[in-house]
Amino acid sequence: MNLEDLVSRYFISYSGVKLPLKLVNEIDEGGLDNRNTFFKGYYDERNRLVRCEKLVYGETELLHNYAYDENNVLRQAEITDADGELTLLTFDEQGQPD
Protein backbone atom coordinates (compact mmCIF):
# COMPACT_ATOMS: atom_id res chain seq x y z
CA MET A 1 0.00 0.00 0.00
CA ASN A 2 1.45 3.31 -1.11
CA LEU A 3 0.09 6.12 1.09
CA GLU A 4 0.69 8.69 -1.66
CA ASP A 5 -1.96 6.94 -3.78
CA LEU A 6 -4.60 7.26 -1.06
CA VAL A 7 -6.86 10.15 -0.06
CA SER A 8 -6.34 11.21 3.55
CA ARG A 9 -9.04 12.83 5.69
CA TYR A 10 -9.17 13.89 9.34
CA PHE A 11 -11.78 13.10 11.99
CA ILE A 12 -12.45 13.82 15.63
CA SER A 13 -13.68 10.35 16.59
CA TYR A 14 -15.25 7.08 15.49
CA SER A 15 -18.50 5.27 16.26
CA GLY A 16 -19.45 1.65 16.72
CA VAL A 17 -17.38 -1.38 17.61
CA LYS A 18 -17.31 -3.27 14.30
CA LEU A 19 -14.39 -3.09 11.93
CA PRO A 20 -13.51 -1.19 9.90
CA LEU A 21 -13.88 1.75 12.24
CA LYS A 22 -16.48 4.30 11.19
CA LEU A 23 -14.73 7.66 11.44
CA VAL A 24 -17.04 10.57 12.31
CA ASN A 25 -16.99 14.35 12.67
CA GLU A 26 -14.67 15.16 9.80
CA ILE A 27 -12.46 18.23 10.16
CA ASP A 28 -10.24 19.95 7.62
CA GLU A 29 -6.48 20.00 7.97
CA GLY A 30 -6.56 23.60 9.18
CA GLY A 31 -8.62 22.53 12.19
CA LEU A 32 -5.86 20.27 13.47
CA ASP A 33 -3.83 23.10 15.00
CA ASN A 34 -6.06 23.23 18.07
CA ARG A 35 -6.44 19.46 18.52
CA ASN A 36 -4.26 17.16 20.60
CA THR A 37 -6.02 13.99 19.47
CA PHE A 38 -7.56 13.11 16.11
CA PHE A 39 -7.91 10.29 13.61
CA LYS A 40 -6.42 10.27 10.13
CA GLY A 41 -8.14 7.98 7.65
CA TYR A 42 -6.69 6.87 4.32
CA TYR A 43 -9.16 5.93 1.59
CA ASP A 44 -8.59 4.05 -1.65
CA GLU A 45 -10.12 4.71 -5.07
CA ARG A 46 -13.29 2.86 -3.99
CA ASN A 47 -13.59 5.15 -0.93
CA ARG A 48 -12.82 2.24 1.42
CA LEU A 49 -10.97 2.99 4.63
CA VAL A 50 -7.69 1.11 4.24
CA ARG A 51 -5.65 2.74 7.01
CA CYS A 52 -6.61 4.56 10.19
CA GLU A 53 -4.24 6.29 12.60
CA LYS A 54 -5.11 7.72 15.99
CA LEU A 55 -2.69 10.56 16.59
CA VAL A 56 -2.07 11.96 20.07
CA TYR A 57 0.28 14.93 20.39
CA GLY A 58 1.66 14.09 16.95
CA GLU A 59 2.47 10.46 17.77
CA THR A 60 0.61 7.44 16.39
CA GLU A 61 -1.12 5.76 19.34
CA LEU A 62 -3.21 3.27 17.37
CA LEU A 63 -2.93 2.02 13.80
CA HIS A 64 -5.37 -0.08 11.77
CA ASN A 65 -4.65 -1.44 8.27
CA TYR A 66 -7.55 -3.04 6.42
CA ALA A 67 -7.67 -5.36 3.41
CA TYR A 68 -10.83 -6.04 1.39
CA ASP A 69 -11.79 -8.59 -1.23
CA GLU A 70 -13.07 -7.75 -4.73
CA ASN A 71 -16.63 -7.51 -3.31
CA ASN A 72 -15.59 -4.81 -0.80
CA VAL A 73 -15.87 -7.22 2.14
CA LEU A 74 -13.35 -6.72 4.93
CA ARG A 75 -11.06 -9.77 4.97
CA GLN A 76 -8.17 -8.70 7.22
CA ALA A 77 -7.38 -6.11 9.88
CA GLU A 78 -3.92 -5.46 11.30
CA ILE A 79 -4.11 -3.50 14.55
CA THR A 80 -1.04 -2.02 16.19
CA ASP A 81 -1.52 -0.61 19.68
CA ALA A 82 0.40 2.10 21.54
CA ASP A 83 2.97 -0.45 22.74
CA GLY A 84 3.67 -1.59 19.18
CA GLU A 85 1.89 -4.92 19.68
CA LEU A 86 0.35 -6.22 16.46
CA THR A 87 -2.95 -8.12 16.35
CA LEU A 88 -4.02 -9.75 13.08
CA LEU A 89 -7.73 -10.44 12.55
CA THR A 90 -9.17 -12.33 9.58
CA PHE A 91 -12.74 -12.37 8.31
CA ASP A 92 -14.79 -14.76 6.19
CA GLU A 93 -16.62 -14.04 2.90
CA GLN A 94 -19.44 -12.33 4.82
CA GLY A 95 -17.05 -10.13 6.79
CA GLN A 96 -17.51 -12.11 10.01
CA PRO A 97 -14.51 -12.90 12.24
CA ASP A 98 -12.87 -16.26 11.50
PDB file of N, CA and C in Angstrom:
ATOM      1  N   MET A   1       0.843  -1.170   0.000  1.00  0.00           N
ATOM      2  CA  MET A   1       0.000   0.000   0.000  1.00  0.00           C
ATOM      3  C   MET A   1       0.894   1.240   0.000  1.00  0.00           C
ATOM      4  N   ASN A   2       0.689   2.076  -0.986  1.00  0.00           N
ATOM      5  CA  ASN A   2       1.448   3.307  -1.108  1.00  0.00           C
ATOM      6  C   ASN A   2       0.570   4.460  -0.619  1.00  0.00           C
ATOM      7  N   LEU A   3       0.929   5.081   0.501  1.00  0.00           N
ATOM      8  CA  LEU A   3       0.092   6.122   1.092  1.00  0.00           C
ATOM      9  C   LEU A   3      -0.119   7.308   0.163  1.00  0.00           C
ATOM     10  N   GLU A   4       0.826   7.568  -0.735  1.00  0.00           N
ATOM     11  CA  GLU A   4       0.688   8.694  -1.662  1.00  0.00           C
ATOM     12  C   GLU A   4      -0.462   8.487  -2.647  1.00  0.00           C
ATOM     13  N   ASP A   5      -0.867   7.236  -2.860  1.00  0.00           N
ATOM     14  CA  ASP A   5      -1.960   6.941  -3.782  1.00  0.00           C
ATOM     15  C   ASP A   5      -3.327   7.011  -3.112  1.00  0.00           C
ATOM     16  N   LEU A   6      -3.357   7.264  -1.822  1.00  0.00           N
ATOM     17  CA  LEU A   6      -4.601   7.263  -1.061  1.00  0.00           C
ATOM     18  C   LEU A   6      -5.023   8.687  -0.721  1.00  0.00           C
ATOM     19  N   VAL A   7      -6.316   8.867  -0.494  1.00  0.00           N
ATOM     20  CA  VAL A   7      -6.863  10.152  -0.060  1.00  0.00           C
ATOM     21  C   VAL A   7      -6.910  10.137   1.461  1.00  0.00           C
ATOM     22  N   SER A   8      -6.305  11.143   2.088  1.00  0.00           N
ATOM     23  CA  SER A   8      -6.341  11.207   3.549  1.00  0.00           C
ATOM     24  C   SER A   8      -7.340  12.264   3.998  1.00  0.00           C
ATOM     25  N   ARG A   9      -8.054  11.924   5.090  1.00  0.00           N
ATOM     26  CA  ARG A   9      -9.035  12.826   5.689  1.00  0.00           C
ATOM     27  C   ARG A   9      -8.888  12.744   7.202  1.00  0.00           C
ATOM     28  N   TYR A  10      -9.349  13.775   7.904  1.00  0.00           N
ATOM     29  CA  TYR A  10      -9.168  13.890   9.344  1.00  0.00           C
ATOM     30  C   TYR A  10     -10.516  13.885  10.054  1.00  0.00           C
ATOM     31  N   PHE A  11     -10.537  13.267  11.237  1.00  0.00           N
ATOM     32  CA  PHE A  11     -11.776  13.100  11.986  1.00  0.00           C
ATOM     33  C   PHE A  11     -11.509  13.282  13.473  1.00  0.00           C
ATOM     34  N   ILE A  12     -12.564  13.640  14.193  1.00  0.00           N
ATOM     35  CA  ILE A  12     -12.454  13.820  15.633  1.00  0.00           C
ATOM     36  C   ILE A  12     -12.578  12.487  16.364  1.00  0.00           C
ATOM     37  N   SER A  13     -13.426  11.586  15.851  1.00  0.00           N
ATOM     38  CA  SER A  13     -13.682  10.355  16.594  1.00  0.00           C
ATOM     39  C   SER A  13     -14.153   9.256  15.652  1.00  0.00           C
ATOM     40  N   TYR A  14     -14.650   8.176  16.244  1.00  0.00           N
ATOM     41  CA  TYR A  14     -15.252   7.082  15.492  1.00  0.00           C
ATOM     42  C   TYR A  14     -16.470   6.592  16.256  1.00  0.00           C
ATOM     43  N   SER A  15     -17.326   5.826  15.589  1.00  0.00           N
ATOM     44  CA  SER A  15     -18.502   5.271  16.256  1.00  0.00           C
ATOM     45  C   SER A  15     -18.569   3.776  15.993  1.00  0.00           C
ATOM     46  N   GLY A  16     -19.258   3.080  16.871  1.00  0.00           N
ATOM     47  CA  GLY A  16     -19.445   1.646  16.720  1.00  0.00           C
ATOM     48  C   GLY A  16     -18.262   0.847  17.221  1.00  0.00           C
ATOM     49  N   VAL A  17     -18.427  -0.478  17.149  1.00  0.00           N
ATOM     50  CA  VAL A  17     -17.376  -1.385  17.607  1.00  0.00           C
ATOM     51  C   VAL A  17     -16.922  -2.331  16.504  1.00  0.00           C
ATOM     52  N   LYS A  18     -17.678  -2.385  15.409  1.00  0.00           N
ATOM     53  CA  LYS A  18     -17.310  -3.267  14.303  1.00  0.00           C
ATOM     54  C   LYS A  18     -16.180  -2.660  13.488  1.00  0.00           C
ATOM     55  N   LEU A  19     -15.439  -3.529  12.846  1.00  0.00           N
ATOM     56  CA  LEU A  19     -14.387  -3.094  11.933  1.00  0.00           C
ATOM     57  C   LEU A  19     -14.899  -3.142  10.509  1.00  0.00           C
ATOM     58  N   PRO A  20     -14.443  -2.275   9.626  1.00  0.00           N
ATOM     59  CA  PRO A  20     -13.514  -1.191   9.899  1.00  0.00           C
ATOM     60  C   PRO A  20     -14.173  -0.103  10.741  1.00  0.00           C
ATOM     61  N   LEU A  21     -13.350   0.659  11.444  1.00  0.00           N
ATOM     62  CA  LEU A  21     -13.882   1.753  12.241  1.00  0.00           C
ATOM     63  C   LEU A  21     -14.652   2.719  11.348  1.00  0.00           C
ATOM     64  N   LYS A  22     -15.718   3.287  11.905  1.00  0.00           N
ATOM     65  CA  LYS A  22     -16.484   4.305  11.186  1.00  0.00           C
ATOM     66  C   LYS A  22     -16.060   5.658  11.747  1.00  0.00           C
ATOM     67  N   LEU A  23     -15.227   6.365  10.998  1.00  0.00           N
ATOM     68  CA  LEU A  23     -14.727   7.663  11.441  1.00  0.00           C
ATOM     69  C   LEU A  23     -15.821   8.712  11.285  1.00  0.00           C
ATOM     70  N   VAL A  24     -15.960   9.580  12.296  1.00  0.00           N
ATOM     71  CA  VAL A  24     -17.040  10.573  12.308  1.00  0.00           C
ATOM     72  C   VAL A  24     -16.493  11.949  12.660  1.00  0.00           C
ATOM     73  N   ASN A  25     -17.305  12.947  12.390  1.00  0.00           N
ATOM     74  CA  ASN A  25     -16.985  14.352  12.668  1.00  0.00           C
ATOM     75  C   ASN A  25     -15.714  14.777  11.941  1.00  0.00           C
ATOM     76  N   GLU A  26     -15.822  14.791  10.623  1.00  0.00           N
ATOM     77  CA  GLU A  26     -14.667  15.164   9.797  1.00  0.00           C
ATOM     78  C   GLU A  26     -14.287  16.622  10.032  1.00  0.00           C
ATOM     79  N   ILE A  27     -12.985  16.872  10.037  1.00  0.00           N
ATOM     80  CA  ILE A  27     -12.459  18.230  10.157  1.00  0.00           C
ATOM     81  C   ILE A  27     -11.434  18.443   9.047  1.00  0.00           C
ATOM     82  N   ASP A  28     -11.253  19.699   8.653  1.00  0.00           N
ATOM     83  CA  ASP A  28     -10.243  19.953   7.625  1.00  0.00           C
ATOM     84  C   ASP A  28      -8.868  20.070   8.276  1.00  0.00           C
ATOM     85  N   GLU A  29      -7.856  20.012   7.463  1.00  0.00           N
ATOM     86  CA  GLU A  29      -6.482  20.004   7.970  1.00  0.00           C
ATOM     87  C   GLU A  29      -6.170  21.252   8.790  1.00  0.00           C
ATOM     88  N   GLY A  30      -6.783  22.366   8.430  1.00  0.00           N
ATOM     89  CA  GLY A  30      -6.564  23.601   9.177  1.00  0.00           C
ATOM     90  C   GLY A  30      -7.096  23.542  10.598  1.00  0.00           C
ATOM     91  N   GLY A  31      -8.058  22.670  10.850  1.00  0.00           N
ATOM     92  CA  GLY A  31      -8.623  22.530  12.188  1.00  0.00           C
ATOM     93  C   GLY A  31      -7.795  21.680  13.125  1.00  0.00           C
ATOM     94  N   LEU A  32      -6.689  21.138  12.639  1.00  0.00           N
ATOM     95  CA  LEU A  32      -5.856  20.266  13.470  1.00  0.00           C
ATOM     96  C   LEU A  32      -4.975  21.037  14.443  1.00  0.00           C
ATOM     97  N   ASP A  33      -4.739  22.317  14.169  1.00  0.00           N
ATOM     98  CA  ASP A  33      -3.829  23.104  15.005  1.00  0.00           C
ATOM     99  C   ASP A  33      -4.255  23.148  16.469  1.00  0.00           C
ATOM    100  N   ASN A  34      -5.551  23.117  16.709  1.00  0.00           N
ATOM    101  CA  ASN A  34      -6.062  23.228  18.074  1.00  0.00           C
ATOM    102  C   ASN A  34      -6.452  21.883  18.673  1.00  0.00           C
ATOM    103  N   ARG A  35      -6.049  20.787  18.042  1.00  0.00           N
ATOM    104  CA  ARG A  35      -6.441  19.456  18.520  1.00  0.00           C
ATOM    105  C   ARG A  35      -5.212  18.679  18.972  1.00  0.00           C
ATOM    106  N   ASN A  36      -5.327  18.036  20.118  1.00  0.00           N
ATOM    107  CA  ASN A  36      -4.261  17.161  20.602  1.00  0.00           C
ATOM    108  C   ASN A  36      -4.434  15.740  20.082  1.00  0.00           C
ATOM    109  N   THR A  37      -5.695  15.350  19.877  1.00  0.00           N
ATOM    110  CA  THR A  37      -6.023  13.986  19.466  1.00  0.00           C
ATOM    111  C   THR A  37      -6.961  14.036  18.274  1.00  0.00           C
ATOM    112  N   PHE A  38      -6.675  13.225  17.265  1.00  0.00           N
ATOM    113  CA  PHE A  38      -7.561  13.114  16.105  1.00  0.00           C
ATOM    114  C   PHE A  38      -7.236  11.819  15.374  1.00  0.00           C
ATOM    115  N   PHE A  39      -8.103  11.470  14.443  1.00  0.00           N
ATOM    116  CA  PHE A  39      -7.913  10.288  13.609  1.00  0.00           C
ATOM    117  C   PHE A  39      -7.621  10.732  12.184  1.00  0.00           C
ATOM    118  N   LYS A  40      -6.717  10.018  11.536  1.00  0.00           N
ATOM    119  CA  LYS A  40      -6.421  10.266  10.126  1.00  0.00           C
ATOM    120  C   LYS A  40      -6.782   8.997   9.375  1.00  0.00           C
ATOM    121  N   GLY A  41      -7.712   9.121   8.443  1.00  0.00           N
ATOM    122  CA  GLY A  41      -8.139   7.981   7.645  1.00  0.00           C
ATOM    123  C   GLY A  41      -7.600   8.083   6.235  1.00  0.00           C
ATOM    124  N   TYR A  42      -7.178   6.957   5.697  1.00  0.00           N
ATOM    125  CA  TYR A  42      -6.689   6.873   4.321  1.00  0.00           C
ATOM    126  C   TYR A  42      -7.683   6.034   3.528  1.00  0.00           C
ATOM    127  N   TYR A  43      -8.127   6.571   2.395  1.00  0.00           N
ATOM    128  CA  TYR A  43      -9.160   5.930   1.588  1.00  0.00           C
ATOM    129  C   TYR A  43      -8.629   5.613   0.197  1.00  0.00           C
ATOM    130  N   ASP A  44      -9.026   4.448  -0.309  1.00  0.00           N
ATOM    131  CA  ASP A  44      -8.588   4.050  -1.647  1.00  0.00           C
ATOM    132  C   ASP A  44      -9.535   4.598  -2.706  1.00  0.00           C
ATOM    133  N   GLU A  45      -9.315   4.204  -3.948  1.00  0.00           N
ATOM    134  CA  GLU A  45     -10.117   4.712  -5.073  1.00  0.00           C
ATOM    135  C   GLU A  45     -11.578   4.291  -4.991  1.00  0.00           C
ATOM    136  N   ARG A  46     -11.896   3.289  -4.200  1.00  0.00           N
ATOM    137  CA  ARG A  46     -13.286   2.862  -3.985  1.00  0.00           C
ATOM    138  C   ARG A  46     -13.882   3.493  -2.728  1.00  0.00           C
ATOM    139  N   ASN A  47     -13.180   4.454  -2.152  1.00  0.00           N
ATOM    140  CA  ASN A  47     -13.593   5.147  -0.932  1.00  0.00           C
ATOM    141  C   ASN A  47     -13.710   4.204   0.267  1.00  0.00           C
ATOM    142  N   ARG A  48     -12.864   3.160   0.281  1.00  0.00           N
ATOM    143  CA  ARG A  48     -12.823   2.237   1.416  1.00  0.00           C
ATOM    144  C   ARG A  48     -11.711   2.692   2.359  1.00  0.00           C
ATOM    145  N   LEU A  49     -11.995   2.672   3.641  1.00  0.00           N
ATOM    146  CA  LEU A  49     -10.975   2.993   4.635  1.00  0.00           C
ATOM    147  C   LEU A  49      -9.962   1.859   4.656  1.00  0.00           C
ATOM    148  N   VAL A  50      -8.718   2.153   4.288  1.00  0.00           N
ATOM    149  CA  VAL A  50      -7.687   1.111   4.240  1.00  0.00           C
ATOM    150  C   VAL A  50      -6.634   1.294   5.326  1.00  0.00           C
ATOM    151  N   ARG A  51      -6.603   2.490   5.923  1.00  0.00           N
ATOM    152  CA  ARG A  51      -5.655   2.740   7.013  1.00  0.00           C
ATOM    153  C   ARG A  51      -6.253   3.810   7.918  1.00  0.00           C
ATOM    154  N   CYS A  52      -6.096   3.608   9.206  1.00  0.00           N
ATOM    155  CA  CYS A  52      -6.609   4.559  10.186  1.00  0.00           C
ATOM    156  C   CYS A  52      -5.558   4.733  11.273  1.00  0.00           C
ATOM    157  N   GLU A  53      -5.215   5.977  11.555  1.00  0.00           N
ATOM    158  CA  GLU A  53      -4.240   6.293  12.596  1.00  0.00           C
ATOM    159  C   GLU A  53      -4.901   7.175  13.646  1.00  0.00           C
ATOM    160  N   LYS A  54      -4.727   6.813  14.909  1.00  0.00           N
ATOM    161  CA  LYS A  54      -5.115   7.715  15.993  1.00  0.00           C
ATOM    162  C   LYS A  54      -3.848   8.439  16.414  1.00  0.00           C
ATOM    163  N   LEU A  55      -3.861   9.754  16.269  1.00  0.00           N
ATOM    164  CA  LEU A  55      -2.688  10.565  16.588  1.00  0.00           C
ATOM    165  C   LEU A  55      -2.940  11.355  17.868  1.00  0.00           C
ATOM    166  N   VAL A  56      -2.000  11.252  18.801  1.00  0.00           N
ATOM    167  CA  VAL A  56      -2.074  11.959  20.073  1.00  0.00           C
ATOM    168  C   VAL A  56      -0.776  12.742  20.233  1.00  0.00           C
ATOM    169  N   TYR A  57      -0.891  14.057  20.303  1.00  0.00           N
ATOM    170  CA  TYR A  57       0.283  14.929  20.387  1.00  0.00           C
ATOM    171  C   TYR A  57       1.301  14.603  19.299  1.00  0.00           C
ATOM    172  N   GLY A  58       0.800  14.331  18.101  1.00  0.00           N
ATOM    173  CA  GLY A  58       1.661  14.092  16.950  1.00  0.00           C
ATOM    174  C   GLY A  58       2.223  12.691  16.826  1.00  0.00           C
ATOM    175  N   GLU A  59       1.962  11.836  17.801  1.00  0.00           N
ATOM    176  CA  GLU A  59       2.466  10.461  17.772  1.00  0.00           C
ATOM    177  C   GLU A  59       1.328   9.492  17.469  1.00  0.00           C
ATOM    178  N   THR A  60       1.618   8.449  16.698  1.00  0.00           N
ATOM    179  CA  THR A  60       0.612   7.437  16.391  1.00  0.00           C
ATOM    180  C   THR A  60       0.422   6.542  17.606  1.00  0.00           C
ATOM    181  N   GLU A  61      -0.798   6.563  18.158  1.00  0.00           N
ATOM    182  CA  GLU A  61      -1.119   5.760  19.336  1.00  0.00           C
ATOM    183  C   GLU A  61      -1.799   4.453  18.953  1.00  0.00           C
ATOM    184  N   LEU A  62      -2.476   4.449  17.827  1.00  0.00           N
ATOM    185  CA  LEU A  62      -3.206   3.272  17.369  1.00  0.00           C
ATOM    186  C   LEU A  62      -3.189   3.286  15.849  1.00  0.00           C
ATOM    187  N   LEU A  63      -2.994   2.121  15.254  1.00  0.00           N
ATOM    188  CA  LEU A  63      -2.931   2.017  13.798  1.00  0.00           C
ATOM    189  C   LEU A  63      -3.720   0.802  13.346  1.00  0.00           C
ATOM    190  N   HIS A  64      -4.624   1.007  12.402  1.00  0.00           N
ATOM    191  CA  HIS A  64      -5.371  -0.079  11.773  1.00  0.00           C
ATOM    192  C   HIS A  64      -5.046  -0.075  10.285  1.00  0.00           C
ATOM    193  N   ASN A  65      -4.762  -1.245   9.720  1.00  0.00           N
ATOM    194  CA  ASN A  65      -4.645  -1.436   8.275  1.00  0.00           C
ATOM    195  C   ASN A  65      -5.676  -2.477   7.876  1.00  0.00           C
ATOM    196  N   TYR A  66      -6.470  -2.162   6.853  1.00  0.00           N
ATOM    197  CA  TYR A  66      -7.552  -3.038   6.423  1.00  0.00           C
ATOM    198  C   TYR A  66      -7.317  -3.529   5.001  1.00  0.00           C
ATOM    199  N   ALA A  67      -7.722  -4.783   4.752  1.00  0.00           N
ATOM    200  CA  ALA A  67      -7.675  -5.361   3.406  1.00  0.00           C
ATOM    201  C   ALA A  67      -9.061  -5.907   3.077  1.00  0.00           C
ATOM    202  N   TYR A  68      -9.501  -5.650   1.851  1.00  0.00           N
ATOM    203  CA  TYR A  68     -10.833  -6.038   1.392  1.00  0.00           C
ATOM    204  C   TYR A  68     -10.708  -6.986   0.208  1.00  0.00           C
ATOM    205  N   ASP A  69     -11.772  -7.755  -0.030  1.00  0.00           N
ATOM    206  CA  ASP A  69     -11.791  -8.586  -1.231  1.00  0.00           C
ATOM    207  C   ASP A  69     -12.419  -7.799  -2.378  1.00  0.00           C
ATOM    208  N   GLU A  70     -12.550  -8.437  -3.536  1.00  0.00           N
ATOM    209  CA  GLU A  70     -13.074  -7.747  -4.726  1.00  0.00           C
ATOM    210  C   GLU A  70     -14.530  -7.324  -4.575  1.00  0.00           C
ATOM    211  N   ASN A  71     -15.235  -7.879  -3.572  1.00  0.00           N
ATOM    212  CA  ASN A  71     -16.628  -7.513  -3.308  1.00  0.00           C
ATOM    213  C   ASN A  71     -16.753  -6.470  -2.197  1.00  0.00           C
ATOM    214  N   ASN A  72     -15.636  -5.841  -1.836  1.00  0.00           N
ATOM    215  CA  ASN A  72     -15.590  -4.808  -0.796  1.00  0.00           C
ATOM    216  C   ASN A  72     -15.877  -5.333   0.604  1.00  0.00           C
ATOM    217  N   VAL A  73     -15.681  -6.625   0.823  1.00  0.00           N
ATOM    218  CA  VAL A  73     -15.874  -7.221   2.142  1.00  0.00           C
ATOM    219  C   VAL A  73     -14.534  -7.198   2.881  1.00  0.00           C
ATOM    220  N   LEU A  74     -14.565  -6.738   4.123  1.00  0.00           N
ATOM    221  CA  LEU A  74     -13.349  -6.720   4.933  1.00  0.00           C
ATOM    222  C   LEU A  74     -12.870  -8.145   5.158  1.00  0.00           C
ATOM    223  N   ARG A  75     -11.613  -8.420   4.822  1.00  0.00           N
ATOM    224  CA  ARG A  75     -11.058  -9.769   4.974  1.00  0.00           C
ATOM    225  C   ARG A  75      -9.936  -9.829   5.994  1.00  0.00           C
ATOM    226  N   GLN A  76      -9.279  -8.687   6.263  1.00  0.00           N
ATOM    227  CA  GLN A  76      -8.172  -8.703   7.216  1.00  0.00           C
ATOM    228  C   GLN A  76      -8.020  -7.333   7.865  1.00  0.00           C
ATOM    229  N   ALA A  77      -7.692  -7.344   9.148  1.00  0.00           N
ATOM    230  CA  ALA A  77      -7.378  -6.115   9.878  1.00  0.00           C
ATOM    231  C   ALA A  77      -6.105  -6.348  10.676  1.00  0.00           C
ATOM    232  N   GLU A  78      -5.145  -5.457  10.508  1.00  0.00           N
ATOM    233  CA  GLU A  78      -3.918  -5.460  11.303  1.00  0.00           C
ATOM    234  C   GLU A  78      -4.017  -4.273  12.251  1.00  0.00           C
ATOM    235  N   ILE A  79      -3.967  -4.547  13.541  1.00  0.00           N
ATOM    236  CA  ILE A  79      -4.115  -3.499  14.547  1.00  0.00           C
ATOM    237  C   ILE A  79      -2.836  -3.425  15.368  1.00  0.00           C
ATOM    238  N   THR A  80      -2.238  -2.247  15.391  1.00  0.00           N
ATOM    239  CA  THR A  80      -1.036  -2.017  16.186  1.00  0.00           C
ATOM    240  C   THR A  80      -1.394  -1.045  17.300  1.00  0.00           C
ATOM    241  N   ASP A  81      -1.171  -1.461  18.553  1.00  0.00           N
ATOM    242  CA  ASP A  81      -1.524  -0.608  19.683  1.00  0.00           C
ATOM    243  C   ASP A  81      -0.372   0.324  20.061  1.00  0.00           C
ATOM    244  N   ALA A  82      -0.580   1.099  21.121  1.00  0.00           N
ATOM    245  CA  ALA A  82       0.403   2.104  21.539  1.00  0.00           C
ATOM    246  C   ALA A  82       1.738   1.490  21.940  1.00  0.00           C
ATOM    247  N   ASP A  83       1.731   0.232  22.360  1.00  0.00           N
ATOM    248  CA  ASP A  83       2.969  -0.451  22.744  1.00  0.00           C
ATOM    249  C   ASP A  83       3.664  -1.115  21.565  1.00  0.00           C
ATOM    250  N   GLY A  84       3.086  -0.978  20.370  1.00  0.00           N
ATOM    251  CA  GLY A  84       3.668  -1.592  19.183  1.00  0.00           C
ATOM    252  C   GLY A  84       3.272  -3.038  18.989  1.00  0.00           C
ATOM    253  N   GLU A  85       2.338  -3.529  19.812  1.00  0.00           N
ATOM    254  CA  GLU A  85       1.893  -4.916  19.685  1.00  0.00           C
ATOM    255  C   GLU A  85       0.908  -5.041  18.528  1.00  0.00           C
ATOM    256  N   LEU A  86       1.157  -6.005  17.660  1.00  0.00           N
ATOM    257  CA  LEU A  86       0.346  -6.216  16.461  1.00  0.00           C
ATOM    258  C   LEU A  86      -0.640  -7.350  16.686  1.00  0.00           C
ATOM    259  N   THR A  87      -1.903  -7.098  16.331  1.00  0.00           N
ATOM    260  CA  THR A  87      -2.947  -8.117  16.347  1.00  0.00           C
ATOM    261  C   THR A  87      -3.468  -8.259  14.927  1.00  0.00           C
ATOM    262  N   LEU A  88      -3.524  -9.484  14.428  1.00  0.00           N
ATOM    263  CA  LEU A  88      -4.025  -9.754  13.081  1.00  0.00           C
ATOM    264  C   LEU A  88      -5.370 -10.453  13.193  1.00  0.00           C
ATOM    265  N   LEU A  89      -6.389  -9.863  12.578  1.00  0.00           N
ATOM    266  CA  LEU A  89      -7.730 -10.443  12.554  1.00  0.00           C
ATOM    267  C   LEU A  89      -8.083 -10.788  11.120  1.00  0.00           C
ATOM    268  N   THR A  90      -8.708 -11.942  10.919  1.00  0.00           N
ATOM    269  CA  THR A  90      -9.166 -12.331   9.584  1.00  0.00           C
ATOM    270  C   THR A  90     -10.674 -12.513   9.611  1.00  0.00           C
ATOM    271  N   PHE A  91     -11.288 -12.344   8.432  1.00  0.00           N
ATOM    272  CA  PHE A  91     -12.737 -12.369   8.310  1.00  0.00           C
ATOM    273  C   PHE A  91     -13.130 -13.260   7.139  1.00  0.00           C
ATOM    274  N   ASP A  92     -14.317 -13.869   7.245  1.00  0.00           N
ATOM    275  CA  ASP A  92     -14.789 -14.762   6.189  1.00  0.00           C
ATOM    276  C   ASP A  92     -15.425 -13.963   5.049  1.00  0.00           C
ATOM    277  N   GLU A  93     -16.035 -14.671   4.094  1.00  0.00           N
ATOM    278  CA  GLU A  93     -16.616 -14.044   2.899  1.00  0.00           C
ATOM    279  C   GLU A  93     -17.755 -13.087   3.216  1.00  0.00           C
ATOM    280  N   GLN A  94     -18.360 -13.225   4.403  1.00  0.00           N
ATOM    281  CA  GLN A  94     -19.436 -12.331   4.818  1.00  0.00           C
ATOM    282  C   GLN A  94     -18.928 -11.206   5.721  1.00  0.00           C
ATOM    283  N   GLY A  95     -17.621 -11.161   5.938  1.00  0.00           N
ATOM    284  CA  GLY A  95     -17.053 -10.128   6.788  1.00  0.00           C
ATOM    285  C   GLY A  95     -17.146 -10.437   8.269  1.00  0.00           C
ATOM    286  N   GLN A  96     -17.430 -11.693   8.607  1.00  0.00           N
ATOM    287  CA  GLN A  96     -17.514 -12.112  10.006  1.00  0.00           C
ATOM    288  C   GLN A  96     -16.154 -12.633  10.465  1.00  0.00           C
ATOM    289  N   PRO A  97     -15.810 -12.406  11.737  1.00  0.00           N
ATOM    290  CA  PRO A  97     -14.512 -12.898  12.237  1.00  0.00           C
ATOM    291  C   PRO A  97     -14.366 -14.401  12.050  1.00  0.00           C
ATOM    292  N   ASP A  98     -13.172 -14.821  11.631  1.00  0.00           N
ATOM    293  CA  ASP A  98     -12.872 -16.255  11.496  1.00  0.00           C
ATOM    294  C   ASP A  98     -12.667 -16.867  12.864  1.00  0.00           C
TER     295      ASP A  98
END
